[in-house]
Amino acid sequence: MPLKVGYTRAFEAIQNDPNNELVVCESGGQLLGMFQITFIPYLTYIGSWRALIEGVRVASSNRGDGIGAKLLEWAI
């Protein structure tokens, strides 16, 4: 079943935006988990940057293995 066009458009937009990243965790070619991180400039703290992490997903066969925690630790 092909992906809906909205997913493809979103992936292309993320891929073409230097302030967005899709981060994946894999082992042996198997996707274990992923998340999207967006870097946002803002005026607080002398014009510093902050990060928004969303879309954290872990493969159902690996839930409870600490993959999500490891992904967030890596991001921090």
PDB file of N, CA and C in Angstrom:
ATOM      1  N   MET A   1       0.850  -1.181   0.000  1.00  0.00           N
ATOM      2  CA  MET A   1       0.000   0.000   0.000  1.00  0.00           C
ATOM      3  C   MET A   1       0.894   1.242   0.000  1.00  0.00           C
ATOM      4  N   PRO A   2       0.753   2.114  -0.982  1.00  0.00           N
ATOM      5  CA  PRO A   2       1.582   3.322  -1.038  1.00  0.00           C
ATOM      6  C   PRO A   2       1.197   4.316   0.057  1.00  0.00           C
ATOM      7  N   LEU A   3       2.172   5.152   0.435  1.00  0.00           N
ATOM      8  CA  LEU A   3       1.907   6.194   1.422  1.00  0.00           C
ATOM      9  C   LEU A   3       0.964   7.242   0.843  1.00  0.00           C
ATOM     10  N   LYS A   4       0.165   7.823   1.697  1.00  0.00           N
ATOM     11  CA  LYS A   4      -0.682   8.933   1.274  1.00  0.00           C
ATOM     12  C   LYS A   4       0.220  10.109   0.917  1.00  0.00           C
ATOM     13  N   VAL A   5      -0.196  10.890  -0.057  1.00  0.00           N
ATOM     14  CA  VAL A   5       0.620  11.980  -0.578  1.00  0.00           C
ATOM     15  C   VAL A   5       0.988  12.998   0.513  1.00  0.00           C
ATOM     16  N   GLY A   6       0.144  13.167   1.508  1.00  0.00           N
ATOM     17  CA  GLY A   6       0.452  14.103   2.600  1.00  0.00           C
ATOM     18  C   GLY A   6       1.721  13.727   3.341  1.00  0.00           C
ATOM     19  N   TYR A   7       1.948  12.423   3.536  1.00  0.00           N
ATOM     20  CA  TYR A   7       3.172  11.971   4.197  1.00  0.00           C
ATOM     21  C   TYR A   7       4.398  12.302   3.357  1.00  0.00           C
ATOM     22  N   THR A   8       4.283  12.074   2.053  1.00  0.00           N
ATOM     23  CA  THR A   8       5.404  12.355   1.158  1.00  0.00           C
ATOM     24  C   THR A   8       5.729  13.841   1.158  1.00  0.00           C
ATOM     25  N   ARG A   9       4.715  14.676   1.093  1.00  0.00           N
ATOM     26  CA  ARG A   9       4.928  16.133   1.109  1.00  0.00           C
ATOM     27  C   ARG A   9       5.558  16.587   2.419  1.00  0.00           C
ATOM     28  N   ALA A  10       5.091  16.042   3.531  1.00  0.00           N
ATOM     29  CA  ALA A  10       5.657  16.412   4.830  1.00  0.00           C
ATOM     30  C   ALA A  10       7.117  15.981   4.921  1.00  0.00           C
ATOM     31  N   PHE A  11       7.414  14.759   4.475  1.00  0.00           N
ATOM     32  CA  PHE A  11       8.797  14.282   4.510  1.00  0.00           C
ATOM     33  C   PHE A  11       9.689  15.181   3.669  1.00  0.00           C
ATOM     34  N   GLU A  12       9.241  15.556   2.475  1.00  0.00           N
ATOM     35  CA  GLU A  12      10.034  16.429   1.612  1.00  0.00           C
ATOM     36  C   GLU A  12      10.251  17.797   2.256  1.00  0.00           C
ATOM     37  N   ALA A  13       9.226  18.349   2.903  1.00  0.00           N
ATOM     38  CA  ALA A  13       9.355  19.644   3.568  1.00  0.00           C
ATOM     39  C   ALA A  13      10.355  19.567   4.716  1.00  0.00           C
ATOM     40  N   ILE A  14      10.282  18.498   5.502  1.00  0.00           N
ATOM     41  CA  ILE A  14      11.227  18.316   6.612  1.00  0.00           C
ATOM     42  C   ILE A  14      12.640  18.167   6.069  1.00  0.00           C
ATOM     43  N   GLN A  15      12.788  17.352   5.037  1.00  0.00           N
ATOM     44  CA  GLN A  15      14.099  17.089   4.451  1.00  0.00           C
ATOM     45  C   GLN A  15      14.730  18.363   3.889  1.00  0.00           C
ATOM     46  N   ASN A  16      13.910  19.275   3.364  1.00  0.00           N
ATOM     47  CA  ASN A  16      14.427  20.496   2.749  1.00  0.00           C
ATOM     48  C   ASN A  16      14.572  21.665   3.716  1.00  0.00           C
ATOM     49  N   ASP A  17      14.191  21.483   4.958  1.00  0.00           N
ATOM     50  CA  ASP A  17      14.270  22.555   5.957  1.00  0.00           C
ATOM     51  C   ASP A  17      15.469  22.296   6.872  1.00  0.00           C
ATOM     52  N   PRO A  18      16.478  23.165   6.848  1.00  0.00           N
ATOM     53  CA  PRO A  18      17.667  22.926   7.674  1.00  0.00           C
ATOM     54  C   PRO A  18      17.402  22.962   9.176  1.00  0.00           C
ATOM     55  N   ASN A  19      16.228  23.440   9.591  1.00  0.00           N
ATOM     56  CA  ASN A  19      15.897  23.489  11.015  1.00  0.00           C
ATOM     57  C   ASN A  19      15.100  22.275  11.474  1.00  0.00           C
ATOM     58  N   ASN A  20      14.920  21.302  10.603  1.00  0.00           N
ATOM     59  CA  ASN A  20      14.186  20.083  10.931  1.00  0.00           C
ATOM     60  C   ASN A  20      15.039  18.862  10.644  1.00  0.00           C
ATOM     61  N   GLU A  21      14.892  17.863  11.485  1.00  0.00           N
ATOM     62  CA  GLU A  21      15.588  16.593  11.290  1.00  0.00           C
ATOM     63  C   GLU A  21      14.650  15.454  11.666  1.00  0.00           C
ATOM     64  N   LEU A  22      14.725  14.372  10.922  1.00  0.00           N
ATOM     65  CA  LEU A  22      14.117  13.117  11.332  1.00  0.00           C
ATOM     66  C   LEU A  22      15.253  12.249  11.837  1.00  0.00           C
ATOM     67  N   VAL A  23      15.141  11.791  13.051  1.00  0.00           N
ATOM     68  CA  VAL A  23      16.184  10.973  13.668  1.00  0.00           C
ATOM     69  C   VAL A  23      15.644   9.562  13.803  1.00  0.00           C
ATOM     70  N   VAL A  24      16.416   8.589  13.338  1.00  0.00           N
ATOM     71  CA  VAL A  24      15.984   7.203  13.417  1.00  0.00           C
ATOM     72  C   VAL A  24      16.989   6.373  14.187  1.00  0.00           C
ATOM     73  N   CYS A  25      16.482   5.339  14.810  1.00  0.00           N
ATOM     74  CA  CYS A  25      17.295   4.352  15.514  1.00  0.00           C
ATOM     75  C   CYS A  25      17.040   3.021  14.815  1.00  0.00           C
ATOM     76  N   GLU A  26      18.109   2.396  14.352  1.00  0.00           N
ATOM     77  CA  GLU A  26      17.939   1.122  13.673  1.00  0.00           C
ATOM     78  C   GLU A  26      19.037   0.163  14.109  1.00  0.00           C
ATOM     79  N   SER A  27      18.755  -1.083  13.913  1.00  0.00           N
ATOM     80  CA  SER A  27      19.718  -2.138  14.221  1.00  0.00           C
ATOM     81  C   SER A  27      19.552  -3.240  13.187  1.00  0.00           C
ATOM     82  N   GLY A  28      20.635  -3.571  12.516  1.00  0.00           N
ATOM     83  CA  GLY A  28      20.571  -4.624  11.514  1.00  0.00           C
ATOM     84  C   GLY A  28      19.588  -4.349  10.403  1.00  0.00           C
ATOM     85  N   GLY A  29      19.398  -3.076  10.054  1.00  0.00           N
ATOM     86  CA  GLY A  29      18.467  -2.707   9.006  1.00  0.00           C
ATOM     87  C   GLY A  29      17.017  -2.637   9.450  1.00  0.00           C
ATOM     88  N   GLN A  30      16.756  -2.885  10.732  1.00  0.00           N
ATOM     89  CA  GLN A  30      15.387  -2.834  11.259  1.00  0.00           C
ATOM     90  C   GLN A  30      15.170  -1.511  11.981  1.00  0.00           C
ATOM     91  N   LEU A  31      14.118  -0.805  11.625  1.00  0.00           N
ATOM     92  CA  LEU A  31      13.766   0.453  12.279  1.00  0.00           C
ATOM     93  C   LEU A  31      13.231   0.159  13.672  1.00  0.00           C
ATOM     94  N   LEU A  32      13.891   0.721  14.691  1.00  0.00           N
ATOM     95  CA  LEU A  32      13.468   0.517  16.080  1.00  0.00           C
ATOM     96  C   LEU A  32      12.644   1.692  16.607  1.00  0.00           C
ATOM     97  N   GLY A  33      13.017   2.894  16.185  1.00  0.00           N
ATOM     98  CA  GLY A  33      12.313   4.071  16.663  1.00  0.00           C
ATOM     99  C   GLY A  33      12.730   5.301  15.892  1.00  0.00           C
ATOM    100  N   MET A  34      11.992   6.389  16.106  1.00  0.00           N
ATOM    101  CA  MET A  34      12.286   7.638  15.414  1.00  0.00           C
ATOM    102  C   MET A  34      11.627   8.809  16.122  1.00  0.00           C
ATOM    103  N   PHE A  35      12.067  10.012  15.766  1.00  0.00           N
ATOM    104  CA  PHE A  35      11.393  11.242  16.191  1.00  0.00           C
ATOM    105  C   PHE A  35      11.771  12.372  15.258  1.00  0.00           C
ATOM    106  N   GLN A  36      11.000  13.442  15.325  1.00  0.00           N
ATOM    107  CA  GLN A  36      11.287  14.665  14.580  1.00  0.00           C
ATOM    108  C   GLN A  36      11.751  15.712  15.578  1.00  0.00           C
ATOM    109  N   ILE A  37      12.806  16.429  15.214  1.00  0.00           N
ATOM    110  CA  ILE A  37      13.270  17.539  16.050  1.00  0.00           C
ATOM    111  C   ILE A  37      13.318  18.795  15.184  1.00  0.00           C
ATOM    112  N   THR A  38      12.740  19.865  15.706  1.00  0.00           N
ATOM    113  CA  THR A  38      12.701  21.136  15.010  1.00  0.00           C
ATOM    114  C   THR A  38      13.421  22.169  15.865  1.00  0.00           C
ATOM    115  N   PHE A  39      14.367  22.871  15.265  1.00  0.00           N
ATOM    116  CA  PHE A  39      15.124  23.918  15.955  1.00  0.00           C
ATOM    117  C   PHE A  39      14.478  25.257  15.646  1.00  0.00           C
ATOM    118  N   ILE A  40      14.157  26.002  16.729  1.00  0.00           N
ATOM    119  CA  ILE A  40      13.361  27.217  16.606  1.00  0.00           C
ATOM    120  C   ILE A  40      14.122  28.394  17.228  1.00  0.00           C
ATOM    121  N   PRO A  41      14.367  29.458  16.432  1.00  0.00           N
ATOM    122  CA  PRO A  41      14.979  30.653  17.011  1.00  0.00           C
ATOM    123  C   PRO A  41      13.924  31.429  17.807  1.00  0.00           C
ATOM    124  N   TYR A  42      14.349  32.003  18.903  1.00  0.00           N
ATOM    125  CA  TYR A  42      13.397  32.828  19.645  1.00  0.00           C
ATOM    126  C   TYR A  42      14.124  33.943  20.366  1.00  0.00           C
ATOM    127  N   LEU A  43      13.379  34.919  20.838  1.00  0.00           N
ATOM    128  CA  LEU A  43      13.983  36.139  21.363  1.00  0.00           C
ATOM    129  C   LEU A  43      14.382  36.040  22.827  1.00  0.00           C
ATOM    130  N   THR A  44      13.839  35.093  23.536  1.00  0.00           N
ATOM    131  CA  THR A  44      14.194  34.930  24.940  1.00  0.00           C
ATOM    132  C   THR A  44      15.647  34.470  25.049  1.00  0.00           C
ATOM    133  N   TYR A  45      16.294  34.787  26.135  1.00  0.00           N
ATOM    134  CA  TYR A  45      17.682  34.383  26.389  1.00  0.00           C
ATOM    135  C   TYR A  45      18.614  34.832  25.272  1.00  0.00           C
ATOM    136  N   ILE A  46      18.525  36.119  24.958  1.00  0.00           N
ATOM    137  CA  ILE A  46      19.432  36.759  24.003  1.00  0.00           C
ATOM    138  C   ILE A  46      19.367  36.113  22.623  1.00  0.00           C
ATOM    139  N   GLY A  47      18.197  35.794  22.168  1.00  0.00           N
ATOM    140  CA  GLY A  47      18.025  35.267  20.824  1.00  0.00           C
ATOM    141  C   GLY A  47      18.592  33.876  20.623  1.00  0.00           C
ATOM    142  N   SER A  48      18.425  33.030  21.607  1.00  0.00           N
ATOM    143  CA  SER A  48      18.956  31.674  21.490  1.00  0.00           C
ATOM    144  C   SER A  48      17.992  30.778  20.719  1.00  0.00           C
ATOM    145  N   TRP A  49      18.300  29.519  20.685  1.00  0.00           N
ATOM    146  CA  TRP A  49      17.496  28.533  19.976  1.00  0.00           C
ATOM    147  C   TRP A  49      16.925  27.541  20.965  1.00  0.00           C
ATOM    148  N   ARG A  50      15.795  26.969  20.613  1.00  0.00           N
ATOM    149  CA  ARG A  50      15.225  25.886  21.395  1.00  0.00           C
ATOM    150  C   ARG A  50      14.865  24.760  20.439  1.00  0.00           C
ATOM    151  N   ALA A  51      14.572  23.618  20.985  1.00  0.00           N
ATOM    152  CA  ALA A  51      14.240  22.468  20.151  1.00  0.00           C
ATOM    153  C   ALA A  51      12.884  21.912  20.563  1.00  0.00           C
ATOM    154  N   LEU A  52      12.111  21.529  19.572  1.00  0.00           N
ATOM    155  CA  LEU A  52      10.831  20.886  19.778  1.00  0.00           C
ATOM    156  C   LEU A  52      10.961  19.454  19.283  1.00  0.00           C
ATOM    157  N   ILE A  53      10.714  18.510  20.166  1.00  0.00           N
ATOM    158  CA  ILE A  53      10.771  17.092  19.802  1.00  0.00           C
ATOM    159  C   ILE A  53       9.342  16.579  19.755  1.00  0.00           C
ATOM    160  N   GLU A  54       8.999  15.941  18.643  1.00  0.00           N
ATOM    161  CA  GLU A  54       7.656  15.396  18.518  1.00  0.00           C
ATOM    162  C   GLU A  54       7.677  14.163  17.628  1.00  0.00           C
ATOM    163  N   GLY A  55       6.565  13.488  17.586  1.00  0.00           N
ATOM    164  CA  GLY A  55       6.440  12.309  16.732  1.00  0.00           C
ATOM    165  C   GLY A  55       7.348  11.175  17.175  1.00  0.00           C
ATOM    166  N   VAL A  56       7.577  11.053  18.481  1.00  0.00           N
ATOM    167  CA  VAL A  56       8.422   9.961  18.969  1.00  0.00           C
ATOM    168  C   VAL A  56       7.651   8.655  18.797  1.00  0.00           C
ATOM    169  N   ARG A  57       8.260   7.725  18.081  1.00  0.00           N
ATOM    170  CA  ARG A  57       7.627   6.434  17.822  1.00  0.00           C
ATOM    171  C   ARG A  57       8.639   5.323  18.045  1.00  0.00           C
ATOM    172  N   VAL A  58       8.187   4.238  18.628  1.00  0.00           N
ATOM    173  CA  VAL A  58       9.012   3.046  18.825  1.00  0.00           C
ATOM    174  C   VAL A  58       8.249   1.865  18.239  1.00  0.00           C
ATOM    175  N   ALA A  59       8.951   1.011  17.509  1.00  0.00           N
ATOM    176  CA  ALA A  59       8.319  -0.171  16.928  1.00  0.00           C
ATOM    177  C   ALA A  59       7.642  -0.972  18.028  1.00  0.00           C
ATOM    178  N   SER A  60       6.461  -1.473  17.747  1.00  0.00           N
ATOM    179  CA  SER A  60       5.692  -2.178  18.776  1.00  0.00           C
ATOM    180  C   SER A  60       6.470  -3.356  19.356  1.00  0.00           C
ATOM    181  N   SER A  61       7.286  -4.001  18.556  1.00  0.00           N
ATOM    182  CA  SER A  61       8.064  -5.149  19.052  1.00  0.00           C
ATOM    183  C   SER A  61       9.207  -4.740  19.977  1.00  0.00           C
ATOM    184  N   ASN A  62       9.505  -3.438  20.049  1.00  0.00           N
ATOM    185  CA  ASN A  62      10.606  -2.968  20.887  1.00  0.00           C
ATOM    186  C   ASN A  62      10.158  -2.051  22.016  1.00  0.00           C
ATOM    187  N   ARG A  63       8.869  -1.889  22.200  1.00  0.00           N
ATOM    188  CA  ARG A  63       8.392  -1.041  23.297  1.00  0.00           C
ATOM    189  C   ARG A  63       8.739  -1.701  24.615  1.00  0.00           C
ATOM    190  N   GLY A  64       9.171  -0.886  25.554  1.00  0.00           N
ATOM    191  CA  GLY A  64       9.582  -1.399  26.851  1.00  0.00           C
ATOM    192  C   GLY A  64      11.066  -1.728  26.909  1.00  0.00           C
ATOM    193  N   ASP A  65      11.770  -1.563  25.781  1.00  0.00           N
ATOM    194  CA  ASP A  65      13.209  -1.853  25.728  1.00  0.00           C
ATOM    195  C   ASP A  65      14.071  -0.633  26.024  1.00  0.00           C
ATOM    196  N   GLY A  66      13.451   0.518  26.266  1.00  0.00           N
ATOM    197  CA  GLY A  66      14.213   1.733  26.560  1.00  0.00           C
ATOM    198  C   GLY A  66      14.639   2.511  25.327  1.00  0.00           C
ATOM    199  N   ILE A  67      14.131   2.145  24.164  1.00  0.00           N
ATOM    200  CA  ILE A  67      14.507   2.824  22.922  1.00  0.00           C
ATOM    201  C   ILE A  67      14.080   4.304  22.971  1.00  0.00           C
ATOM    202  N   GLY A  68      12.854   4.565  23.385  1.00  0.00           N
ATOM    203  CA  GLY A  68      12.378   5.952  23.457  1.00  0.00           C
ATOM    204  C   GLY A  68      13.240   6.796  24.384  1.00  0.00           C
ATOM    205  N   ALA A  69      13.585   6.254  25.539  1.00  0.00           N
ATOM    206  CA  ALA A  69      14.454   6.984  26.473  1.00  0.00           C
ATOM    207  C   ALA A  69      15.811   7.254  25.863  1.00  0.00           C
ATOM    208  N   LYS A  70      16.357   6.270  25.163  1.00  0.00           N
ATOM    209  CA  LYS A  70      17.663   6.466  24.523  1.00  0.00           C
ATOM    210  C   LYS A  70      17.599   7.513  23.428  1.00  0.00           C
ATOM    211  N   LEU A  71      16.510   7.534  22.670  1.00  0.00           N
ATOM    212  CA  LEU A  71      16.351   8.562  21.650  1.00  0.00           C
ATOM    213  C   LEU A  71      16.335   9.953  22.275  1.00  0.00           C
ATOM    214  N   LEU A  72      15.572  10.116  23.357  1.00  0.00           N
ATOM    215  CA  LEU A  72      15.485  11.424  24.002  1.00  0.00           C
ATOM    216  C   LEU A  72      16.800  11.803  24.672  1.00  0.00           C
ATOM    217  N   GLU A  73      17.495  10.852  25.264  1.00  0.00           N
ATOM    218  CA  GLU A  73      18.818  11.131  25.824  1.00  0.00           C
ATOM    219  C   GLU A  73      19.757  11.630  24.747  1.00  0.00           C
ATOM    220  N   TRP A  74      19.722  10.983  23.582  1.00  0.00           N
ATOM    221  CA  TRP A  74      20.582  11.403  22.473  1.00  0.00           C
ATOM    222  C   TRP A  74      20.265  12.836  22.075  1.00  0.00           C
ATOM    223  N   ALA A  75      18.973  13.160  21.991  1.00  0.00           N
ATOM    224  CA  ALA A  75      18.557  14.502  21.571  1.00  0.00           C
ATOM    225  C   ALA A  75      19.016  15.569  22.563  1.00  0.00           C
ATOM    226  N   ILE A  76      18.910  15.240  23.836  1.00  0.00           N
ATOM    227  CA  ILE A  76      19.306  16.218  24.866  1.00  0.00           C
ATOM    228  C   ILE A  76      20.802  16.418  24.851  1.00  0.00           C
TER     229      ILE A  76
END
